[in-house]
């Protein structure tokens, strides 16, 4: 699996989906978010959207409104990529430890 800034996209669950389906409003956002739920690169996608302050679309299972709220709650975070990757590593280590 690719995890660099650009390479993660080839492993994304939405890679073959219509991109317009991820840039929707209202109830349609729930369908877009469902695509993200089992995605192996959801963390990388969300980190890119948060670090890049991307204002539109569903990224990493979060709508633009959800991302804005998270950014307001955590103004201290300077790198969402670092934070989310560390959390992912910790979760995987905890799961492996049993």
Protein backbone atom coordinates (compact mmCIF):
# COMPACT_ATOMS: atom_id res chain seq x y z
CA UNK A 1 0.00 0.00 0.00
CA UNK A 2 1.24 3.46 -0.91
CA UNK A 3 1.24 6.08 1.85
CA UNK A 4 3.17 9.04 0.48
CA UNK A 5 1.41 12.32 -0.27
CA UNK A 6 0.43 11.36 -3.82
CA UNK A 7 0.69 7.58 -3.87
CA UNK A 8 -2.06 6.83 -1.39
CA UNK A 9 -4.70 7.71 -3.98
CA UNK A 10 -4.08 4.52 -5.97
CA UNK A 11 -5.21 2.51 -2.93
CA UNK A 12 -8.30 4.63 -2.25
CA UNK A 13 -11.71 2.96 -2.30
CA UNK A 14 -13.03 5.90 -4.34
CA UNK A 15 -10.34 5.74 -7.04
CA UNK A 16 -12.78 4.38 -9.63
CA UNK A 17 -15.82 6.32 -8.41
CA UNK A 18 -17.27 9.39 -10.07
CA UNK A 19 -15.47 12.29 -8.36
CA UNK A 20 -18.67 14.35 -8.45
CA UNK A 21 -20.17 11.82 -6.03
CA UNK A 22 -17.76 13.01 -3.34
CA UNK A 23 -18.64 16.68 -3.77
CA UNK A 24 -22.32 16.61 -2.85
CA UNK A 25 -24.59 18.30 -0.32
CA UNK A 26 -27.13 17.19 2.24
CA UNK A 27 -28.18 13.57 2.60
CA UNK A 28 -26.06 12.56 -0.39
CA UNK A 29 -22.99 13.15 1.79
CA UNK A 30 -23.87 10.04 3.79
CA UNK A 31 -23.50 7.93 0.64
CA UNK A 32 -20.17 9.58 -0.09
CA UNK A 33 -18.99 8.98 3.48
CA UNK A 34 -19.98 5.30 3.22
CA UNK A 35 -17.41 4.86 0.45
CA UNK A 36 -14.74 5.93 2.94
CA UNK A 37 -15.67 3.60 5.80
CA UNK A 38 -13.62 0.59 4.71
CA UNK A 39 -10.98 2.50 2.80
CA UNK A 40 -7.39 1.43 3.57
CA UNK A 41 -6.08 4.98 3.10
CA UNK A 42 -8.82 6.88 4.89
CA UNK A 43 -6.34 8.35 7.38
CA UNK A 44 -4.02 9.65 4.67
CA UNK A 45 -6.94 11.16 2.77
CA UNK A 46 -8.31 12.92 5.84
CA UNK A 47 -4.86 14.20 6.80
CA UNK A 48 -4.37 15.71 3.35
CA UNK A 49 -7.73 17.47 3.52
CA UNK A 50 -7.05 18.83 7.01
CA UNK A 51 -3.45 19.89 6.34
CA UNK A 52 -4.46 21.46 3.02
CA UNK A 53 -7.56 23.12 4.49
CA UNK A 54 -9.63 21.66 1.65
CA UNK A 55 -13.03 23.30 1.90
CA UNK A 56 -15.19 21.10 -0.31
CA UNK A 57 -16.15 17.46 -0.60
CA UNK A 58 -15.99 14.36 1.53
CA UNK A 59 -12.41 13.41 2.39
CA UNK A 60 -11.43 10.58 4.73
CA UNK A 61 -15.03 10.06 5.75
CA UNK A 62 -15.63 13.63 6.88
CA UNK A 63 -17.65 16.41 5.29
CA UNK A 64 -16.32 19.93 4.96
CA UNK A 65 -18.47 20.98 7.94
CA UNK A 66 -17.06 18.18 10.11
CA UNK A 67 -13.50 19.06 9.11
CA UNK A 68 -14.03 22.76 9.86
CA UNK A 69 -15.37 21.87 13.32
CA UNK A 70 -12.36 19.65 13.98
CA UNK A 71 -9.95 22.36 12.86
CA UNK A 72 -11.64 24.84 15.20
CA UNK A 73 -11.43 22.39 18.12
CA UNK A 74 -7.75 21.64 17.52
CA UNK A 75 -6.01 24.85 16.37
CA UNK A 76 -2.84 23.60 18.06
CA UNK A 77 -2.26 20.82 15.50
CA UNK A 78 0.46 21.83 13.06
CA UNK A 79 0.52 18.56 11.09
CA UNK A 80 -2.56 16.41 10.83
CA UNK A 81 -0.52 13.92 8.83
CA UNK A 82 1.86 13.40 11.75
CA UNK A 83 -0.93 13.29 14.33
CA UNK A 84 -3.15 10.85 12.43
CA UNK A 85 -0.30 8.58 11.37
CA UNK A 86 0.90 8.35 14.99
CA UNK A 87 -2.64 7.54 16.14
CA UNK A 88 -2.95 4.89 13.43
CA UNK A 89 0.37 3.30 14.43
CA UNK A 90 -0.66 3.29 18.10
CA UNK A 91 -4.02 1.69 17.29
CA UNK A 92 -2.38 -1.01 15.16
CA UNK A 93 0.18 -1.74 17.87
CA UNK A 94 -2.54 -1.97 20.52
CA UNK A 95 -4.58 -4.32 18.32
CA UNK A 96 -1.53 -6.51 17.70
CA UNK A 97 -0.78 -6.65 21.41
CA UNK A 98 -4.20 -8.06 21.93
